[in-house]
Amino acid sequence: MTDSVATPAAREPAVLQVDNLTKHFRSGTRGQPVRALDGVTFHVARGETFGLVGESGCGKSTCARTIIRLYEPTAGTILLDGADITHLKARQLRPLRKKIQMVFQDPYASLNGRMTVRDLVAEPLRVHHPDLSTTAVTDQVRTVLAQVGLGPEHLLRYAHEFSGGQRQRIGIARALVLQPELVLCDEPISALDVSIQAQIVNLLQDLQAELGLTYVFIAHDLSMVRHVADRVGVMYLGQLVEQGPTTEVYANPLHPYTKGLLASAPRPDPTVSLTARPPAIEGEIPSPIHPPSGCRFRTRCPVARPVCAETVPIPTGTDGHQVTCHLFD
């Protein structure tokens, strides 16, 4: 990624606009909500990659699944190409699903083991383009498989006959066969060997350049997000605490949580002693059923003040770099 990538993307209209997106789940018999998402707001311009990072359980995957409407939003709005899809019914969503697709974290769990690769990739075509002939469907399947690095010899094989990286290529092919505008990548490399991760990331970048795709890229690997994303959003306990151009956020992190995440990232330097480094973030993530009052990070924040427990911070800064922290009020 270079600085020149982010500049033209910022002038393009937003493919995805998420405003105050909220998703609460019921928990147990008492009905206390699990606040998985609470007021998430961001946009993704056409042709750019927006990265979402944060600890496990912070709400990244819930955000993606709510955007694609696998989960019904509790509040907020989701605009896809300017169209409000927040509460559309399944029948109304169907024609719009061709525009937005998802690559899941576990390629094996997301593929039906009883279907051949041809049928797996062809299924979206048969659902959304029932008038296509069998020959036309097979031709499109062959084309998209070639785009992800698989050949016609793979058409009649099953998912268990492939390696993890090949399965993820099949998942990517299935997501791209409808020629979507926006692809949500939910930790697409976390289940793969390190040696394969770079191949999949390079494939995604090549496809983006070739097909003009827009990505929301979810990951916990900070170095990988730095490599692929034009802009990045940092999530903590269901909320975005900082967002901005990737180069700016990584070079000048503002929120204490962002600083802690970057400090906790492993460094490929054997001369740096791990014991000499101070702990980046102490304590455990609070329960999303009973989140802390005020700033949700205050129970683990090394610079928390009394106001942090009393008042919920609001985003400050420019559209280019925003932070939600009382230190910048």
C-alpha atoms as a PDB file:
ATOM      1  CA  MET A   1       0.000   0.000   0.000  1.00  0.00           C
ATOM      2  CA  THR A   2       1.207   3.497  -0.787  1.00  0.00           C
ATOM      3  CA  ASP A   3      -0.043   6.956   0.125  1.00  0.00           C
ATOM      4  CA  SER A   4      -1.088   7.498  -3.483  1.00  0.00           C
ATOM      5  CA  VAL A   5      -3.699   4.726  -3.168  1.00  0.00           C
ATOM      6  CA  ALA A   6      -5.721   6.446  -0.447  1.00  0.00           C
ATOM      7  CA  THR A   7      -5.968   9.854  -2.125  1.00  0.00           C
ATOM      8  CA  PRO A   8      -8.120   8.971  -5.158  1.00  0.00           C
ATOM      9  CA  ALA A   9     -10.231   6.585  -3.093  1.00  0.00           C
ATOM     10  CA  ALA A  10     -11.143   9.409  -0.725  1.00  0.00           C
ATOM     11  CA  ARG A  11     -12.706  11.351  -3.655  1.00  0.00           C
ATOM     12  CA  GLU A  12     -14.864   8.423  -4.739  1.00  0.00           C
ATOM     13  CA  PRO A  13     -18.450   8.061  -3.442  1.00  0.00           C
ATOM     14  CA  ALA A  14     -18.902   5.606  -0.602  1.00  0.00           C
ATOM     15  CA  VAL A  15     -19.854   2.089  -1.620  1.00  0.00           C
ATOM     16  CA  LEU A  16     -20.662   1.328   2.016  1.00  0.00           C
ATOM     17  CA  GLN A  17     -21.840   3.801   4.661  1.00  0.00           C
ATOM     18  CA  VAL A  18     -22.409   2.505   8.190  1.00  0.00           C
ATOM     19  CA  ASP A  19     -23.951   4.940  10.679  1.00  0.00           C
ATOM     20  CA  ASN A  20     -24.410   4.214  14.384  1.00  0.00           C
ATOM     21  CA  LEU A  21     -24.664   0.478  13.679  1.00  0.00           C
ATOM     22  CA  THR A  22     -25.769  -1.422  16.766  1.00  0.00           C
ATOM     23  CA  LYS A  23     -26.318  -5.134  17.372  1.00  0.00           C
ATOM     24  CA  HIS A  24     -27.445  -6.548  20.719  1.00  0.00           C
ATOM     25  CA  PHE A  25     -28.009 -10.247  21.359  1.00  0.00           C
ATOM     26  CA  ARG A  26     -30.237 -11.731  24.044  1.00  0.00           C
ATOM     27  CA  SER A  27     -28.453 -13.589  26.825  1.00  0.00           C
ATOM     28  CA  GLY A  28     -30.005 -16.201  29.098  1.00  0.00           C
ATOM     29  CA  THR A  29     -33.429 -15.990  30.670  1.00  0.00           C
ATOM     30  CA  ARG A  30     -32.991 -12.558  32.235  1.00  0.00           C
ATOM     31  CA  GLY A  31     -32.961 -10.927  28.834  1.00  0.00           C
ATOM     32  CA  GLN A  32     -29.896  -8.784  29.459  1.00  0.00           C
ATOM     33  CA  PRO A  33     -28.491  -7.794  26.067  1.00  0.00           C
ATOM     34  CA  VAL A  34     -25.000  -8.691  24.915  1.00  0.00           C
ATOM     35  CA  ARG A  35     -23.811  -5.401  23.420  1.00  0.00           C
ATOM     36  CA  ALA A  36     -21.778  -6.826  20.567  1.00  0.00           C
ATOM     37  CA  LEU A  37     -21.924  -3.592  18.547  1.00  0.00           C
ATOM     38  CA  ASP A  38     -22.723  -0.142  19.922  1.00  0.00           C
ATOM     39  CA  GLY A  39     -22.790   2.815  17.564  1.00  0.00           C
ATOM     40  CA  VAL A  40     -20.218   1.913  14.904  1.00  0.00           C
ATOM     41  CA  THR A  41     -19.822   4.491  12.131  1.00  0.00           C
ATOM     42  CA  PHE A  42     -17.523   4.353   9.110  1.00  0.00           C
ATOM     43  CA  HIS A  43     -17.571   4.494   5.320  1.00  0.00           C
ATOM     44  CA  VAL A  44     -15.715   2.638   2.583  1.00  0.00           C
ATOM     45  CA  ALA A  45     -14.960   4.449  -0.662  1.00  0.00           C
ATOM     46  CA  ARG A  46     -15.049   2.695  -3.993  1.00  0.00           C
ATOM     47  CA  GLY A  47     -11.869   0.790  -4.747  1.00  0.00           C
ATOM     48  CA  GLU A  48     -10.319   1.064  -1.293  1.00  0.00           C
ATOM     49  CA  THR A  49      -9.640  -1.432   1.483  1.00  0.00           C
ATOM     50  CA  PHE A  50     -10.918  -0.594   4.955  1.00  0.00           C
ATOM     51  CA  GLY A  51      -9.295  -2.667   7.701  1.00  0.00           C
ATOM     52  CA  LEU A  52     -10.964  -3.555  10.993  1.00  0.00           C
ATOM     53  CA  VAL A  53      -8.637  -4.589  13.832  1.00  0.00           C
ATOM     54  CA  GLY A  54      -8.987  -5.355  17.526  1.00  0.00           C
ATOM     55  CA  GLU A  55      -8.772  -8.122  20.099  1.00  0.00           C
ATOM     56  CA  SER A  56     -10.853 -11.280  19.796  1.00  0.00           C
ATOM     57  CA  GLY A  57     -14.407 -10.594  20.927  1.00  0.00           C
ATOM     58  CA  CYS A  58     -14.367  -6.891  20.115  1.00  0.00           C
ATOM     59  CA  GLY A  59     -17.147  -7.229  17.519  1.00  0.00           C
ATOM     60  CA  LYS A  60     -15.306  -7.277  14.184  1.00  0.00           C
ATOM     61  CA  SER A  61     -17.016 -10.374  12.781  1.00  0.00           C
ATOM     62  CA  THR A  62     -20.387  -9.318  14.208  1.00  0.00           C
ATOM     63  CA  CYS A  63     -19.982  -6.029  12.370  1.00  0.00           C
ATOM     64  CA  ALA A  64     -19.371  -7.806   9.059  1.00  0.00           C
ATOM     65  CA  ARG A  65     -22.236 -10.254   9.533  1.00  0.00           C
ATOM     66  CA  THR A  66     -24.599  -7.414  10.432  1.00  0.00           C
ATOM     67  CA  ILE A  67     -23.545  -5.391   7.394  1.00  0.00           C
ATOM     68  CA  ILE A  68     -24.240  -8.322   5.076  1.00  0.00           C
ATOM     69  CA  ARG A  69     -27.532  -8.878   6.963  1.00  0.00           C
ATOM     70  CA  LEU A  70     -26.816 -12.324   8.343  1.00  0.00           C
ATOM     71  CA  TYR A  71     -27.758 -10.580  11.600  1.00  0.00           C
ATOM     72  CA  GLU A  72     -30.650  -8.153  11.920  1.00  0.00           C
ATOM     73  CA  PRO A  73     -29.357  -4.753  13.151  1.00  0.00           C
ATOM     74  CA  THR A  74     -30.702  -3.493  16.461  1.00  0.00           C
ATOM     75  CA  ALA A  75     -30.231   0.147  15.442  1.00  0.00           C
ATOM     76  CA  GLY A  76     -28.377   2.328  12.974  1.00  0.00           C
ATOM     77  CA  THR A  77     -28.301   2.374   9.190  1.00  0.00           C
ATOM     78  CA  ILE A  78     -26.433   0.506   6.438  1.00  0.00           C
ATOM     79  CA  LEU A  79     -26.229   2.129   3.011  1.00  0.00           C
ATOM     80  CA  LEU A  80     -24.970   0.120   0.035  1.00  0.00           C
ATOM     81  CA  ASP A  81     -24.393   2.338  -3.002  1.00  0.00           C
ATOM     82  CA  GLY A  82     -26.709   4.849  -1.361  1.00  0.00           C
ATOM     83  CA  ALA A  83     -29.545   2.335  -0.892  1.00  0.00           C
ATOM     84  CA  ASP A  84     -30.726   1.711   2.666  1.00  0.00           C
ATOM     85  CA  ILE A  85     -30.541  -2.053   3.292  1.00  0.00           C
ATOM     86  CA  THR A  86     -30.804  -1.886   7.089  1.00  0.00           C
ATOM     87  CA  HIS A  87     -34.168  -3.561   7.501  1.00  0.00           C
ATOM     88  CA  LEU A  88     -34.978  -4.963   4.071  1.00  0.00           C
ATOM     89  CA  LYS A  89     -36.762  -8.284   3.987  1.00  0.00           C
ATOM     90  CA  ALA A  90     -35.113 -11.342   2.437  1.00  0.00           C
ATOM     91  CA  ARG A  91     -36.975 -10.945  -0.849  1.00  0.00           C
ATOM     92  CA  GLN A  92     -35.988  -7.275  -1.084  1.00  0.00           C
ATOM     93  CA  LEU A  93     -32.363  -8.085  -0.244  1.00  0.00           C
ATOM     94  CA  ARG A  94     -32.017 -10.775  -2.880  1.00  0.00           C
ATOM     95  CA  PRO A  95     -31.194  -8.552  -5.889  1.00  0.00           C
ATOM     96  CA  LEU A  96     -28.748  -6.528  -3.770  1.00  0.00           C
ATOM     97  CA  ARG A  97     -26.812  -9.558  -2.551  1.00  0.00           C
ATOM     98  CA  LYS A  98     -25.070  -9.719  -5.917  1.00  0.00           C
ATOM     99  CA  LYS A  99     -23.322  -6.463  -4.967  1.00  0.00           C
ATOM    100  CA  ILE A 100     -21.983  -7.607  -1.604  1.00  0.00           C
ATOM    101  CA  GLN A 101     -20.352 -10.937  -0.826  1.00  0.00           C
ATOM    102  CA  MET A 102     -18.303 -12.425   2.014  1.00  0.00           C
ATOM    103  CA  VAL A 103     -15.175 -14.537   2.406  1.00  0.00           C
ATOM    104  CA  PHE A 104     -15.372 -16.440   5.679  1.00  0.00           C
ATOM    105  CA  GLN A 105     -12.641 -17.198   8.186  1.00  0.00           C
ATOM    106  CA  ASP A 106     -12.697 -20.988   8.039  1.00  0.00           C
ATOM    107  CA  PRO A 107     -12.656 -22.155   4.403  1.00  0.00           C
ATOM    108  CA  TYR A 108     -13.507 -25.743   5.336  1.00  0.00           C
ATOM    109  CA  ALA A 109     -16.505 -24.898   7.502  1.00  0.00           C
ATOM    110  CA  SER A 110     -17.918 -22.538   4.865  1.00  0.00           C
ATOM    111  CA  LEU A 111     -17.870 -25.144   2.069  1.00  0.00           C
ATOM    112  CA  ASN A 112     -20.418 -27.935   1.740  1.00  0.00           C
ATOM    113  CA  GLY A 113     -18.399 -31.137   1.792  1.00  0.00           C
ATOM    114  CA  ARG A 114     -20.991 -32.988  -0.292  1.00  0.00           C
ATOM    115  CA  MET A 115     -20.730 -30.626  -3.253  1.00  0.00           C
ATOM    116  CA  THR A 116     -18.049 -30.543  -5.916  1.00  0.00           C
ATOM    117  CA  VAL A 117     -16.092 -27.375  -6.580  1.00  0.00           C
ATOM    118  CA  ARG A 118     -18.128 -26.807  -9.732  1.00  0.00           C
ATOM    119  CA  ASP A 119     -21.390 -26.948  -7.785  1.00  0.00           C
ATOM    120  CA  LEU A 120     -20.049 -24.865  -4.892  1.00  0.00           C
ATOM    121  CA  VAL A 121     -18.992 -22.005  -7.149  1.00  0.00           C
ATOM    122  CA  ALA A 122     -21.987 -22.357  -9.474  1.00  0.00           C
ATOM    123  CA  GLU A 123     -24.591 -22.236  -6.704  1.00  0.00           C
ATOM    124  CA  PRO A 124     -24.752 -18.397  -6.493  1.00  0.00           C
ATOM    125  CA  LEU A 125     -25.176 -18.244 -10.284  1.00  0.00           C
ATOM    126  CA  ARG A 126     -28.038 -20.721 -10.202  1.00  0.00           C
ATOM    127  CA  VAL A 127     -29.761 -18.731  -7.449  1.00  0.00           C
ATOM    128  CA  HIS A 128     -29.356 -15.273  -8.954  1.00  0.00           C
ATOM    129  CA  HIS A 129     -29.257 -16.146 -12.676  1.00  0.00           C
ATOM    130  CA  PRO A 130     -31.591 -19.144 -13.094  1.00  0.00           C
ATOM    131  CA  ASP A 131     -31.915 -18.518 -16.845  1.00  0.00           C
ATOM    132  CA  LEU A 132     -28.248 -19.269 -17.533  1.00  0.00           C
ATOM    133  CA  SER A 133     -27.603 -22.502 -19.372  1.00  0.00           C
ATOM    134  CA  THR A 134     -25.470 -25.240 -17.856  1.00  0.00           C
ATOM    135  CA  THR A 135     -22.736 -24.486 -20.382  1.00  0.00           C
ATOM    136  CA  ALA A 136     -22.737 -20.772 -19.533  1.00  0.00           C
ATOM    137  CA  VAL A 137     -22.594 -21.523 -15.807  1.00  0.00           C
ATOM    138  CA  THR A 138     -19.679 -23.923 -16.258  1.00  0.00           C
ATOM    139  CA  ASP A 139     -17.826 -21.378 -18.392  1.00  0.00           C
ATOM    140  CA  GLN A 140     -18.189 -18.707 -15.715  1.00  0.00           C
ATOM    141  CA  VAL A 141     -17.068 -21.143 -13.038  1.00  0.00           C
ATOM    142  CA  ARG A 142     -13.966 -22.013 -15.067  1.00  0.00           C
ATOM    143  CA  THR A 143     -13.197 -18.317 -15.553  1.00  0.00           C
ATOM    144  CA  VAL A 144     -13.430 -17.386 -11.889  1.00  0.00           C
ATOM    145  CA  LEU A 145     -11.459 -20.462 -10.824  1.00  0.00           C
ATOM    146  CA  ALA A 146      -8.685 -19.423 -13.201  1.00  0.00           C
ATOM    147  CA  GLN A 147      -8.719 -15.959 -11.625  1.00  0.00           C
ATOM    148  CA  VAL A 148      -8.000 -17.444  -8.182  1.00  0.00           C
ATOM    149  CA  GLY A 149      -5.323 -19.837  -9.442  1.00  0.00           C
ATOM    150  CA  LEU A 150      -7.278 -23.082  -9.834  1.00  0.00           C
ATOM    151  CA  GLY A 151      -7.710 -25.104 -13.003  1.00  0.00           C
ATOM    152  CA  PRO A 152     -10.403 -27.196 -14.743  1.00  0.00           C
ATOM    153  CA  GLU A 153      -8.941 -30.342 -13.151  1.00  0.00           C
ATOM    154  CA  HIS A 154     -10.336 -29.131  -9.820  1.00  0.00           C
ATOM    155  CA  LEU A 155     -13.960 -28.873 -10.954  1.00  0.00           C
ATOM    156  CA  LEU A 156     -15.091 -32.335  -9.869  1.00  0.00           C
ATOM    157  CA  ARG A 157     -13.155 -32.560  -6.623  1.00  0.00           C
ATOM    158  CA  TYR A 158     -14.540 -32.099  -3.109  1.00  0.00           C
ATOM    159  CA  ALA A 159     -13.438 -29.706  -0.375  1.00  0.00           C
ATOM    160  CA  HIS A 160     -11.661 -32.369   1.688  1.00  0.00           C
ATOM    161  CA  GLU A 161      -9.323 -33.046  -1.241  1.00  0.00           C
ATOM    162  CA  PHE A 162      -7.762 -29.573  -1.035  1.00  0.00           C
ATOM    163  CA  SER A 163      -5.294 -27.821   1.242  1.00  0.00           C
ATOM    164  CA  GLY A 164      -6.397 -24.917   3.428  1.00  0.00           C
ATOM    165  CA  GLY A 165      -5.076 -22.338   0.990  1.00  0.00           C
ATOM    166  CA  GLN A 166      -6.826 -23.989  -1.950  1.00  0.00           C
ATOM    167  CA  ARG A 167     -10.091 -24.112  -0.013  1.00  0.00           C
ATOM    168  CA  GLN A 168      -9.850 -20.395   0.665  1.00  0.00           C
ATOM    169  CA  ARG A 169      -9.285 -19.833  -3.057  1.00  0.00           C
ATOM    170  CA  ILE A 170     -12.527 -21.734  -3.668  1.00  0.00           C
ATOM    171  CA  GLY A 171     -14.277 -19.521  -1.109  1.00  0.00           C
ATOM    172  CA  ILE A 172     -12.941 -16.418  -2.851  1.00  0.00           C
ATOM    173  CA  ALA A 173     -14.082 -17.766  -6.230  1.00  0.00           C
ATOM    174  CA  ARG A 174     -17.564 -18.365  -4.892  1.00  0.00           C
ATOM    175  CA  ALA A 175     -17.687 -14.802  -3.541  1.00  0.00           C
ATOM    176  CA  LEU A 176     -16.510 -13.316  -6.861  1.00  0.00           C
ATOM    177  CA  VAL A 177     -18.585 -15.348  -9.313  1.00  0.00           C
ATOM    178  CA  LEU A 178     -21.460 -12.839  -9.072  1.00  0.00           C
ATOM    179  CA  GLN A 179     -19.071  -9.932  -9.780  1.00  0.00           C
ATOM    180  CA  PRO A 180     -19.785  -8.033  -6.533  1.00  0.00           C
ATOM    181  CA  GLU A 181     -18.738  -4.459  -5.799  1.00  0.00           C
ATOM    182  CA  LEU A 182     -17.977  -5.009  -2.114  1.00  0.00           C
ATOM    183  CA  VAL A 183     -16.349  -8.047  -0.493  1.00  0.00           C
ATOM    184  CA  LEU A 184     -16.248  -8.513   3.287  1.00  0.00           C
ATOM    185  CA  CYS A 185     -13.160 -10.542   4.222  1.00  0.00           C
ATOM    186  CA  ASP A 186     -13.696 -11.917   7.732  1.00  0.00           C
ATOM    187  CA  GLU A 187     -10.193 -12.900   8.858  1.00  0.00           C
ATOM    188  CA  PRO A 188      -9.604 -14.762   5.577  1.00  0.00           C
ATOM    189  CA  ILE A 189      -6.041 -15.792   6.452  1.00  0.00           C
ATOM    190  CA  SER A 190      -6.155 -16.543  10.193  1.00  0.00           C
ATOM    191  CA  ALA A 191      -6.922 -20.256   9.662  1.00  0.00           C
ATOM    192  CA  LEU A 192      -4.062 -20.709   7.170  1.00  0.00           C
ATOM    193  CA  ASP A 193      -0.391 -21.538   7.533  1.00  0.00           C
ATOM    194  CA  VAL A 194       1.904 -18.537   7.629  1.00  0.00           C
ATOM    195  CA  SER A 195       3.529 -19.608   4.371  1.00  0.00           C
ATOM    196  CA  ILE A 196       0.131 -19.518   2.630  1.00  0.00           C
ATOM    197  CA  GLN A 197      -1.176 -16.287   4.142  1.00  0.00           C
ATOM    198  CA  ALA A 198       0.949 -14.046   1.923  1.00  0.00           C
ATOM    199  CA  GLN A 199      -0.251 -15.905  -1.183  1.00  0.00           C
ATOM    200  CA  ILE A 200      -3.908 -15.306  -0.327  1.00  0.00           C
ATOM    201  CA  VAL A 201      -3.320 -11.650   0.533  1.00  0.00           C
ATOM    202  CA  ASN A 202      -1.436 -11.089  -2.725  1.00  0.00           C
ATOM    203  CA  LEU A 203      -4.270 -12.829  -4.598  1.00  0.00           C
ATOM    204  CA  LEU A 204      -6.850 -10.525  -2.988  1.00  0.00           C
ATOM    205  CA  GLN A 205      -4.816  -7.464  -3.919  1.00  0.00           C
ATOM    206  CA  ASP A 206      -4.350  -8.661  -7.507  1.00  0.00           C
ATOM    207  CA  LEU A 207      -8.093  -9.308  -7.834  1.00  0.00           C
ATOM    208  CA  GLN A 208      -8.857  -5.874  -6.417  1.00  0.00           C
ATOM    209  CA  ALA A 209      -6.652  -4.216  -9.025  1.00  0.00           C
ATOM    210  CA  GLU A 210      -8.025  -6.379 -11.846  1.00  0.00           C
ATOM    211  CA  LEU A 211     -11.726  -6.233 -10.977  1.00  0.00           C
ATOM    212  CA  GLY A 212     -12.000  -2.888  -9.168  1.00  0.00           C
ATOM    213  CA  LEU A 213     -13.180  -4.475  -5.922  1.00  0.00           C
ATOM    214  CA  THR A 214     -13.808  -2.751  -2.604  1.00  0.00           C
ATOM    215  CA  TYR A 215     -12.839  -4.610   0.579  1.00  0.00           C
ATOM    216  CA  VAL A 216     -13.615  -4.572   4.259  1.00  0.00           C
ATOM    217  CA  PHE A 217     -10.675  -6.579   5.596  1.00  0.00           C
ATOM    218  CA  ILE A 218     -11.017  -7.930   9.137  1.00  0.00           C
ATOM    219  CA  ALA A 219      -7.931  -9.265  10.872  1.00  0.00           C
ATOM    220  CA  HIS A 220      -6.063  -9.413  14.156  1.00  0.00           C
ATOM    221  CA  ASP A 221      -2.701  -9.437  12.390  1.00  0.00           C
ATOM    222  CA  LEU A 222      -1.722  -5.771  12.586  1.00  0.00           C
ATOM    223  CA  SER A 223       1.209  -6.085  10.208  1.00  0.00           C
ATOM    224  CA  MET A 224      -0.993  -7.654   7.534  1.00  0.00           C
ATOM    225  CA  VAL A 225      -3.627  -4.919   7.847  1.00  0.00           C
ATOM    226  CA  ARG A 226      -0.881  -2.322   7.560  1.00  0.00           C
ATOM    227  CA  HIS A 227       0.153  -3.971   4.306  1.00  0.00           C
ATOM    228  CA  VAL A 228      -3.272  -4.249   2.649  1.00  0.00           C
ATOM    229  CA  ALA A 229      -5.512  -1.478   4.016  1.00  0.00           C
ATOM    230  CA  ASP A 230      -5.856   2.113   2.828  1.00  0.00           C
ATOM    231  CA  ARG A 231      -7.722   3.092   5.992  1.00  0.00           C
ATOM    232  CA  VAL A 232      -8.109   1.288   9.293  1.00  0.00           C
ATOM    233  CA  GLY A 233     -10.616   1.254  12.154  1.00  0.00           C
ATOM    234  CA  VAL A 234      -9.683   0.067  15.651  1.00  0.00           C
ATOM    235  CA  MET A 235     -12.467  -1.659  17.594  1.00  0.00           C
ATOM    236  CA  TYR A 236     -12.809  -2.230  21.322  1.00  0.00           C
ATOM    237  CA  LEU A 237     -15.791  -3.852  23.013  1.00  0.00           C
ATOM    238  CA  GLY A 238     -18.220  -3.111  20.203  1.00  0.00           C
ATOM    239  CA  GLN A 239     -17.105   0.442  19.441  1.00  0.00           C
ATOM    240  CA  LEU A 240     -14.667   2.144  17.093  1.00  0.00           C
ATOM    241  CA  VAL A 241     -12.105   4.008  19.172  1.00  0.00           C
ATOM    242  CA  GLU A 242      -9.931   5.284  16.328  1.00  0.00           C
ATOM    243  CA  GLN A 243      -9.980   5.346  12.535  1.00  0.00           C
ATOM    244  CA  GLY A 244      -8.041   7.000   9.760  1.00  0.00           C
ATOM    245  CA  PRO A 245      -5.510   6.439   6.984  1.00  0.00           C
ATOM    246  CA  THR A 246      -3.424   3.387   7.781  1.00  0.00           C
ATOM    247  CA  THR A 247      -0.106   5.193   7.464  1.00  0.00           C
ATOM    248  CA  GLU A 248      -1.307   7.923   9.842  1.00  0.00           C
ATOM    249  CA  VAL A 249      -2.827   5.620  12.465  1.00  0.00           C
ATOM    250  CA  TYR A 250       0.227   3.362  12.563  1.00  0.00           C
ATOM    251  CA  ALA A 251       2.729   6.231  12.597  1.00  0.00           C
ATOM    252  CA  ASN A 252       0.784   8.434  15.018  1.00  0.00           C
ATOM    253  CA  PRO A 253      -1.661   6.364  17.120  1.00  0.00           C
ATOM    254  CA  LEU A 254      -3.773   8.544  19.390  1.00  0.00           C
ATOM    255  CA  HIS A 255      -5.983   6.265  21.490  1.00  0.00           C
ATOM    256  CA  PRO A 256      -4.304   4.420  24.390  1.00  0.00           C
ATOM    257  CA  TYR A 257      -5.827   1.169  23.150  1.00  0.00           C
ATOM    258  CA  THR A 258      -4.389   1.632  19.654  1.00  0.00           C
ATOM    259  CA  LYS A 259      -0.983   2.329  21.184  1.00  0.00           C
ATOM    260  CA  GLY A 260      -1.283  -0.822  23.286  1.00  0.00           C
ATOM    261  CA  LEU A 261      -2.236  -2.967  20.302  1.00  0.00           C
ATOM    262  CA  LEU A 262       0.712  -1.745  18.276  1.00  0.00           C
ATOM    263  CA  ALA A 263       3.072  -2.211  21.216  1.00  0.00           C
ATOM    264  CA  SER A 264       1.878  -5.794  21.696  1.00  0.00           C
ATOM    265  CA  ALA A 265       2.554  -6.782  18.084  1.00  0.00           C
ATOM    266  CA  PRO A 266       5.543  -9.131  17.817  1.00  0.00           C
ATOM    267  CA  ARG A 267       8.689  -7.704  16.280  1.00  0.00           C
ATOM    268  CA  PRO A 268      10.887  -9.858  14.019  1.00  0.00           C
ATOM    269  CA  ASP A 269      14.050  -8.775  15.817  1.00  0.00           C
ATOM    270  CA  PRO A 270      15.909 -11.392  17.889  1.00  0.00           C
ATOM    271  CA  THR A 271      17.999  -8.683  19.556  1.00  0.00           C
ATOM    272  CA  VAL A 272      14.928  -7.218  21.295  1.00  0.00           C
ATOM    273  CA  SER A 273      14.316  -8.851  24.666  1.00  0.00           C
ATOM    274  CA  LEU A 274      10.702  -9.742  25.337  1.00  0.00           C
ATOM    275  CA  THR A 275      11.200  -9.379  29.083  1.00  0.00           C
ATOM    276  CA  ALA A 276      12.511  -5.845  28.635  1.00  0.00           C
ATOM    277  CA  ARG A 277       9.297  -4.687  26.980  1.00  0.00           C
ATOM    278  CA  PRO A 278       6.577  -3.357  29.308  1.00  0.00           C
ATOM    279  CA  PRO A 279       3.138  -5.000  29.089  1.00  0.00           C
ATOM    280  CA  ALA A 280       1.179  -3.342  26.320  1.00  0.00           C
ATOM    281  CA  ILE A 281      -2.365  -3.801  27.626  1.00  0.00           C
ATOM    282  CA  GLU A 282      -3.121  -5.118  31.101  1.00  0.00           C
ATOM    283  CA  GLY A 283      -6.282  -6.752  32.400  1.00  0.00           C
ATOM    284  CA  GLU A 284      -9.134  -8.615  30.751  1.00  0.00           C
ATOM    285  CA  ILE A 285     -11.800  -7.404  28.346  1.00  0.00           C
ATOM    286  CA  PRO A 286     -14.955  -6.541  30.340  1.00  0.00           C
ATOM    287  CA  SER A 287     -18.192  -8.381  29.706  1.00  0.00           C
ATOM    288  CA  PRO A 288     -20.262  -6.989  26.808  1.00  0.00           C
ATOM    289  CA  ILE A 289     -23.320  -7.674  28.987  1.00  0.00           C
ATOM    290  CA  HIS A 290     -22.124  -5.191  31.610  1.00  0.00           C
ATOM    291  CA  PRO A 291     -19.700  -2.837  29.854  1.00  0.00           C
ATOM    292  CA  PRO A 292     -17.994  -0.138  31.951  1.00  0.00           C
ATOM    293  CA  SER A 293     -19.664   3.251  32.216  1.00  0.00           C
ATOM    294  CA  GLY A 294     -18.254   6.136  30.243  1.00  0.00           C
ATOM    295  CA  CYS A 295     -15.262   5.035  28.201  1.00  0.00           C
ATOM    296  CA  ARG A 296     -15.279   1.261  27.851  1.00  0.00           C
ATOM    297  CA  PHE A 297     -11.486   1.075  27.833  1.00  0.00           C
ATOM    298  CA  ARG A 298     -11.060   2.963  31.107  1.00  0.00           C
ATOM    299  CA  THR A 299     -10.740  -0.190  33.258  1.00  0.00           C
ATOM    300  CA  ARG A 300      -7.567  -1.106  31.361  1.00  0.00           C
ATOM    301  CA  CYS A 301      -6.351   2.360  30.408  1.00  0.00           C
ATOM    302  CA  PRO A 302      -3.072   3.549  31.995  1.00  0.00           C
ATOM    303  CA  VAL A 303      -4.097   7.214  31.699  1.00  0.00           C
ATOM    304  CA  ALA A 304      -7.765   7.015  32.748  1.00  0.00           C
ATOM    305  CA  ARG A 305      -9.222  10.029  34.561  1.00  0.00           C
ATOM    306  CA  PRO A 306     -12.435  10.483  36.621  1.00  0.00           C
ATOM    307  CA  VAL A 307     -14.253  11.924  33.596  1.00  0.00           C
ATOM    308  CA  CYS A 308     -13.643   8.665  31.759  1.00  0.00           C
ATOM    309  CA  ALA A 309     -16.051   6.868  34.115  1.00  0.00           C
ATOM    310  CA  GLU A 310     -18.653   9.614  34.032  1.00  0.00           C
ATOM    311  CA  THR A 311     -19.048  10.567  30.370  1.00  0.00           C
ATOM    312  CA  VAL A 312     -19.047   8.653  27.123  1.00  0.00           C
ATOM    313  CA  PRO A 313     -16.393  10.191  24.826  1.00  0.00           C
ATOM    314  CA  ILE A 314     -17.389  11.364  21.370  1.00  0.00           C
ATOM    315  CA  PRO A 315     -15.304  11.126  18.187  1.00  0.00           C
ATOM    316  CA  THR A 316     -13.036  14.102  17.619  1.00  0.00           C
ATOM    317  CA  GLY A 317     -10.633  15.061  14.864  1.00  0.00           C
ATOM    318  CA  THR A 318     -10.991  15.305  11.118  1.00  0.00           C
ATOM    319  CA  ASP A 319     -12.545  12.852   8.690  1.00  0.00           C
ATOM    320  CA  GLY A 320      -9.007  11.756   7.944  1.00  0.00           C
ATOM    321  CA  HIS A 321      -8.150  10.724  11.518  1.00  0.00           C
ATOM    322  CA  GLN A 322     -10.709  10.418  14.300  1.00  0.00           C
ATOM    323  CA  VAL A 323     -10.245   9.291  17.904  1.00  0.00           C
ATOM    324  CA  THR A 324     -12.822   8.655  20.622  1.00  0.00           C
ATOM    325  CA  CYS A 325     -11.020   9.572  23.832  1.00  0.00           C
ATOM    326  CA  HIS A 326     -11.370  12.248  26.551  1.00  0.00           C
ATOM    327  CA  LEU A 327      -7.682  13.062  26.204  1.00  0.00           C
ATOM    328  CA  PHE A 328      -8.580  14.881  22.987  1.00  0.00           C
ATOM    329  CA  ASP A 329     -11.798  16.638  24.063  1.00  0.00           C
END
